[in-house]
């Protein structure tokens, strides 16, 4: 079995045996996948078997990795938004215990969550409410395309701000 070697810099470059801590494509995929699932850098690093400092250094020096990182955070954010929308519309189950020891299950709707979501989507809703109801499929398609363009522009602006 051939040993993997890596080049070590310094005054006199040397070849040394690769450490288990070295960055690999597999670790990168594992990290980005875990980041997209959890939106948590520490957990993603633990799952991929790398240090957070190493991940942040790589993000700073590698544009492709930085783009993958942003994409993973974006995916996690979209999933989180869907979960919050589901909670706002459908509520969360809450168990209420009575003094007599019995329990009752009820749905709890968070006013704060609903208000936050309304605030986030106020502009989009206002634009939709100002438009007349669509008459045909082509008009619906055109509205969907316009909305996608607005969302893409907003996403690009968010990315520019985060850089």
C-alpha atoms as a PDB file:
ATOM      1  CA  UNK A   1       0.000   0.000   0.000  1.00  0.00           C
ATOM      2  CA  UNK A   2       1.504   3.347  -1.059  1.00  0.00           C
ATOM      3  CA  UNK A   3       1.803   6.042   1.569  1.00  0.00           C
ATOM      4  CA  UNK A   4       0.490   9.469   0.742  1.00  0.00           C
ATOM      5  CA  UNK A   5       3.070  12.202   1.049  1.00  0.00           C
ATOM      6  CA  UNK A   6       2.619  15.949   1.315  1.00  0.00           C
ATOM      7  CA  UNK A   7       5.038  18.796   0.643  1.00  0.00           C
ATOM      8  CA  UNK A   8       5.966  20.773   3.757  1.00  0.00           C
ATOM      9  CA  UNK A   9       7.238  24.323   3.128  1.00  0.00           C
ATOM     10  CA  UNK A  10       9.871  26.250   5.022  1.00  0.00           C
ATOM     11  CA  UNK A  11      13.562  26.947   4.445  1.00  0.00           C
ATOM     12  CA  UNK A  12      14.094  23.430   3.186  1.00  0.00           C
ATOM     13  CA  UNK A  13      10.951  21.863   1.647  1.00  0.00           C
ATOM     14  CA  UNK A  14      10.392  18.256   2.699  1.00  0.00           C
ATOM     15  CA  UNK A  15       8.049  15.408   1.939  1.00  0.00           C
ATOM     16  CA  UNK A  16       6.277  13.996   4.962  1.00  0.00           C
ATOM     17  CA  UNK A  17       3.631  11.387   5.512  1.00  0.00           C
ATOM     18  CA  UNK A  18       0.160  12.861   5.151  1.00  0.00           C
ATOM     19  CA  UNK A  19      -1.620  13.501   8.424  1.00  0.00           C
ATOM     20  CA  UNK A  20      -5.177  12.335   9.063  1.00  0.00           C
ATOM     21  CA  UNK A  21      -5.904  16.009   9.694  1.00  0.00           C
ATOM     22  CA  UNK A  22      -5.073  17.047   6.129  1.00  0.00           C
ATOM     23  CA  UNK A  23      -7.893  18.437   4.061  1.00  0.00           C
ATOM     24  CA  UNK A  24      -9.356  16.066   1.484  1.00  0.00           C
ATOM     25  CA  UNK A  25     -12.154  16.380  -1.040  1.00  0.00           C
ATOM     26  CA  UNK A  26     -14.115  13.814   0.977  1.00  0.00           C
ATOM     27  CA  UNK A  27     -13.737  15.911   4.139  1.00  0.00           C
ATOM     28  CA  UNK A  28     -14.759  18.997   2.206  1.00  0.00           C
ATOM     29  CA  UNK A  29     -17.909  17.286   0.908  1.00  0.00           C
ATOM     30  CA  UNK A  30     -18.703  15.982   4.400  1.00  0.00           C
ATOM     31  CA  UNK A  31     -18.197  19.430   5.919  1.00  0.00           C
ATOM     32  CA  UNK A  32     -20.366  21.238   3.340  1.00  0.00           C
ATOM     33  CA  UNK A  33     -23.077  18.591   3.581  1.00  0.00           C
ATOM     34  CA  UNK A  34     -23.151  18.841   7.375  1.00  0.00           C
ATOM     35  CA  UNK A  35     -23.120  22.643   7.172  1.00  0.00           C
ATOM     36  CA  UNK A  36     -26.128  22.559   4.834  1.00  0.00           C
ATOM     37  CA  UNK A  37     -27.917  20.192   7.248  1.00  0.00           C
ATOM     38  CA  UNK A  38     -27.133  22.019  10.494  1.00  0.00           C
ATOM     39  CA  UNK A  39     -26.122  25.592   9.600  1.00  0.00           C
ATOM     40  CA  UNK A  40     -23.562  25.093  12.390  1.00  0.00           C
ATOM     41  CA  UNK A  41     -19.832  25.334  11.596  1.00  0.00           C
ATOM     42  CA  UNK A  42     -18.681  23.599  14.797  1.00  0.00           C
ATOM     43  CA  UNK A  43     -20.936  20.573  14.207  1.00  0.00           C
ATOM     44  CA  UNK A  44     -19.962  20.406  10.548  1.00  0.00           C
ATOM     45  CA  UNK A  45     -16.276  20.434  11.535  1.00  0.00           C
ATOM     46  CA  UNK A  46     -16.815  17.692  14.097  1.00  0.00           C
ATOM     47  CA  UNK A  47     -18.649  15.553  11.563  1.00  0.00           C
ATOM     48  CA  UNK A  48     -15.930  16.055   8.930  1.00  0.00           C
ATOM     49  CA  UNK A  49     -13.099  15.538  11.416  1.00  0.00           C
ATOM     50  CA  UNK A  50     -11.450  18.932  10.910  1.00  0.00           C
ATOM     51  CA  UNK A  51     -10.799  21.911  13.145  1.00  0.00           C
ATOM     52  CA  UNK A  52     -12.917  25.062  12.869  1.00  0.00           C
ATOM     53  CA  UNK A  53      -9.737  27.140  12.496  1.00  0.00           C
ATOM     54  CA  UNK A  54      -8.731  25.025   9.503  1.00  0.00           C
ATOM     55  CA  UNK A  55     -12.176  25.433   7.935  1.00  0.00           C
ATOM     56  CA  UNK A  56     -12.104  29.214   8.357  1.00  0.00           C
ATOM     57  CA  UNK A  57      -8.571  29.404   6.914  1.00  0.00           C
ATOM     58  CA  UNK A  58      -9.669  27.344   3.921  1.00  0.00           C
ATOM     59  CA  UNK A  59     -12.717  29.555   3.422  1.00  0.00           C
ATOM     60  CA  UNK A  60     -10.479  32.607   3.412  1.00  0.00           C
ATOM     61  CA  UNK A  61      -7.974  31.179   0.913  1.00  0.00           C
ATOM     62  CA  UNK A  62     -10.123  29.015  -1.414  1.00  0.00           C
ATOM     63  CA  UNK A  63     -12.774  30.769  -3.544  1.00  0.00           C
ATOM     64  CA  UNK A  64     -14.477  27.536  -4.625  1.00  0.00           C
ATOM     65  CA  UNK A  65     -14.768  26.378  -1.025  1.00  0.00           C
ATOM     66  CA  UNK A  66     -16.047  29.818  -0.010  1.00  0.00           C
ATOM     67  CA  UNK A  67     -18.755  29.560  -2.693  1.00  0.00           C
ATOM     68  CA  UNK A  68     -19.681  26.065  -1.460  1.00  0.00           C
ATOM     69  CA  UNK A  69     -19.867  27.387   2.099  1.00  0.00           C
ATOM     70  CA  UNK A  70     -22.245  30.188   1.033  1.00  0.00           C
ATOM     71  CA  UNK A  71     -24.363  27.724  -0.911  1.00  0.00           C
ATOM     72  CA  UNK A  72     -24.581  25.388   2.103  1.00  0.00           C
ATOM     73  CA  UNK A  73     -25.602  28.243   4.412  1.00  0.00           C
ATOM     74  CA  UNK A  74     -28.162  29.363   1.821  1.00  0.00           C
ATOM     75  CA  UNK A  75     -29.669  25.883   1.634  1.00  0.00           C
ATOM     76  CA  UNK A  76     -29.833  25.642   5.421  1.00  0.00           C
ATOM     77  CA  UNK A  77     -31.454  29.073   5.615  1.00  0.00           C
ATOM     78  CA  UNK A  78     -34.111  28.144   3.073  1.00  0.00           C
ATOM     79  CA  UNK A  79     -34.926  24.949   4.964  1.00  0.00           C
ATOM     80  CA  UNK A  80     -35.112  26.895   8.237  1.00  0.00           C
ATOM     81  CA  UNK A  81     -37.452  29.423   6.654  1.00  0.00           C
ATOM     82  CA  UNK A  82     -39.729  26.603   5.469  1.00  0.00           C
ATOM     83  CA  UNK A  83     -39.812  25.095   8.968  1.00  0.00           C
ATOM     84  CA  UNK A  84     -40.671  28.472  10.477  1.00  0.00           C
ATOM     85  CA  UNK A  85     -43.398  29.057   7.901  1.00  0.00           C
ATOM     86  CA  UNK A  86     -44.841  25.627   8.701  1.00  0.00           C
ATOM     87  CA  UNK A  87     -44.839  26.445  12.426  1.00  0.00           C
ATOM     88  CA  UNK A  88     -46.466  29.816  11.822  1.00  0.00           C
ATOM     89  CA  UNK A  89     -49.239  28.331   9.675  1.00  0.00           C
ATOM     90  CA  UNK A  90     -49.784  25.002  11.431  1.00  0.00           C
ATOM     91  CA  UNK A  91     -48.635  25.746  14.985  1.00  0.00           C
ATOM     92  CA  UNK A  92     -46.644  23.485  17.277  1.00  0.00           C
ATOM     93  CA  UNK A  93     -48.121  20.890  19.560  1.00  0.00           C
ATOM     94  CA  UNK A  94     -48.032  21.847  23.209  1.00  0.00           C
ATOM     95  CA  UNK A  95     -48.901  19.642  26.179  1.00  0.00           C
ATOM     96  CA  UNK A  96     -50.806  21.408  28.955  1.00  0.00           C
ATOM     97  CA  UNK A  97     -50.843  19.651  32.353  1.00  0.00           C
ATOM     98  CA  UNK A  98     -53.800  20.271  34.594  1.00  0.00           C
ATOM     99  CA  UNK A  99     -53.814  20.290  38.366  1.00  0.00           C
ATOM    100  CA  UNK A 100     -55.689  16.993  38.456  1.00  0.00           C
ATOM    101  CA  UNK A 101     -52.779  15.359  36.581  1.00  0.00           C
ATOM    102  CA  UNK A 102     -54.507  15.064  33.231  1.00  0.00           C
ATOM    103  CA  UNK A 103     -52.935  16.361  30.064  1.00  0.00           C
ATOM    104  CA  UNK A 104     -54.368  18.143  27.077  1.00  0.00           C
ATOM    105  CA  UNK A 105     -52.665  18.627  23.753  1.00  0.00           C
ATOM    106  CA  UNK A 106     -53.204  21.845  21.862  1.00  0.00           C
ATOM    107  CA  UNK A 107     -51.677  23.756  18.991  1.00  0.00           C
ATOM    108  CA  UNK A 108     -49.652  26.833  19.917  1.00  0.00           C
ATOM    109  CA  UNK A 109     -49.201  29.626  17.364  1.00  0.00           C
ATOM    110  CA  UNK A 110     -46.342  32.030  18.021  1.00  0.00           C
ATOM    111  CA  UNK A 111     -47.406  35.635  17.451  1.00  0.00           C
ATOM    112  CA  UNK A 112     -43.780  36.782  17.419  1.00  0.00           C
ATOM    113  CA  UNK A 113     -42.869  34.278  14.717  1.00  0.00           C
ATOM    114  CA  UNK A 114     -45.867  35.305  12.627  1.00  0.00           C
ATOM    115  CA  UNK A 115     -45.056  39.006  12.961  1.00  0.00           C
ATOM    116  CA  UNK A 116     -41.424  38.427  12.024  1.00  0.00           C
ATOM    117  CA  UNK A 117     -42.407  36.467   8.917  1.00  0.00           C
ATOM    118  CA  UNK A 118     -44.936  39.139   7.936  1.00  0.00           C
ATOM    119  CA  UNK A 119     -42.249  41.783   8.266  1.00  0.00           C
ATOM    120  CA  UNK A 120     -39.801  39.760   6.170  1.00  0.00           C
ATOM    121  CA  UNK A 121     -42.254  39.259   3.310  1.00  0.00           C
ATOM    122  CA  UNK A 122     -44.180  42.551   3.478  1.00  0.00           C
ATOM    123  CA  UNK A 123     -42.735  43.971   0.220  1.00  0.00           C
ATOM    124  CA  UNK A 124     -43.422  40.825  -1.787  1.00  0.00           C
ATOM    125  CA  UNK A 125     -46.977  40.597  -0.469  1.00  0.00           C
ATOM    126  CA  UNK A 126     -47.648  44.267  -1.254  1.00  0.00           C
ATOM    127  CA  UNK A 127     -46.508  43.779  -4.855  1.00  0.00           C
ATOM    128  CA  UNK A 128     -48.763  40.757  -5.278  1.00  0.00           C
ATOM    129  CA  UNK A 129     -51.786  42.476  -3.745  1.00  0.00           C
ATOM    130  CA  UNK A 130     -51.452  45.393  -6.167  1.00  0.00           C
ATOM    131  CA  UNK A 131     -51.634  43.133  -9.216  1.00  0.00           C
ATOM    132  CA  UNK A 132     -54.899  41.976 -10.749  1.00  0.00           C
ATOM    133  CA  UNK A 133     -55.698  38.251 -10.649  1.00  0.00           C
ATOM    134  CA  UNK A 134     -54.165  36.389 -13.598  1.00  0.00           C
ATOM    135  CA  UNK A 135     -56.375  35.619 -16.574  1.00  0.00           C
ATOM    136  CA  UNK A 136     -54.352  32.881 -18.268  1.00  0.00           C
ATOM    137  CA  UNK A 137     -51.392  30.550 -17.924  1.00  0.00           C
ATOM    138  CA  UNK A 138     -48.986  32.895 -19.765  1.00  0.00           C
ATOM    139  CA  UNK A 139     -49.747  35.681 -17.319  1.00  0.00           C
ATOM    140  CA  UNK A 140     -49.173  33.331 -14.358  1.00  0.00           C
ATOM    141  CA  UNK A 141     -45.878  32.198 -15.881  1.00  0.00           C
ATOM    142  CA  UNK A 142     -44.784  35.822 -16.368  1.00  0.00           C
ATOM    143  CA  UNK A 143     -45.569  36.660 -12.720  1.00  0.00           C
ATOM    144  CA  UNK A 144     -43.645  33.640 -11.473  1.00  0.00           C
ATOM    145  CA  UNK A 145     -40.637  34.596 -13.603  1.00  0.00           C
ATOM    146  CA  UNK A 146     -40.743  38.172 -12.279  1.00  0.00           C
ATOM    147  CA  UNK A 147     -40.870  36.913  -8.709  1.00  0.00           C
ATOM    148  CA  UNK A 148     -37.944  34.551  -9.332  1.00  0.00           C
ATOM    149  CA  UNK A 149     -35.917  37.437 -10.766  1.00  0.00           C
ATOM    150  CA  UNK A 150     -36.684  39.539  -7.661  1.00  0.00           C
ATOM    151  CA  UNK A 151     -35.669  36.667  -5.386  1.00  0.00           C
ATOM    152  CA  UNK A 152     -32.452  36.132  -7.351  1.00  0.00           C
ATOM    153  CA  UNK A 153     -31.608  39.830  -7.134  1.00  0.00           C
ATOM    154  CA  UNK A 154     -32.322  39.852  -3.384  1.00  0.00           C
ATOM    155  CA  UNK A 155     -30.123  36.749  -2.957  1.00  0.00           C
ATOM    156  CA  UNK A 156     -27.277  38.415  -4.890  1.00  0.00           C
ATOM    157  CA  UNK A 157     -27.596  41.556  -2.762  1.00  0.00           C
ATOM    158  CA  UNK A 158     -27.455  39.451   0.408  1.00  0.00           C
ATOM    159  CA  UNK A 159     -24.340  37.687  -0.876  1.00  0.00           C
ATOM    160  CA  UNK A 160     -22.681  41.017  -1.720  1.00  0.00           C
ATOM    161  CA  UNK A 161     -23.431  42.302   1.793  1.00  0.00           C
ATOM    162  CA  UNK A 162     -22.007  39.176   3.431  1.00  0.00           C
ATOM    163  CA  UNK A 163     -18.723  39.579   1.561  1.00  0.00           C
END
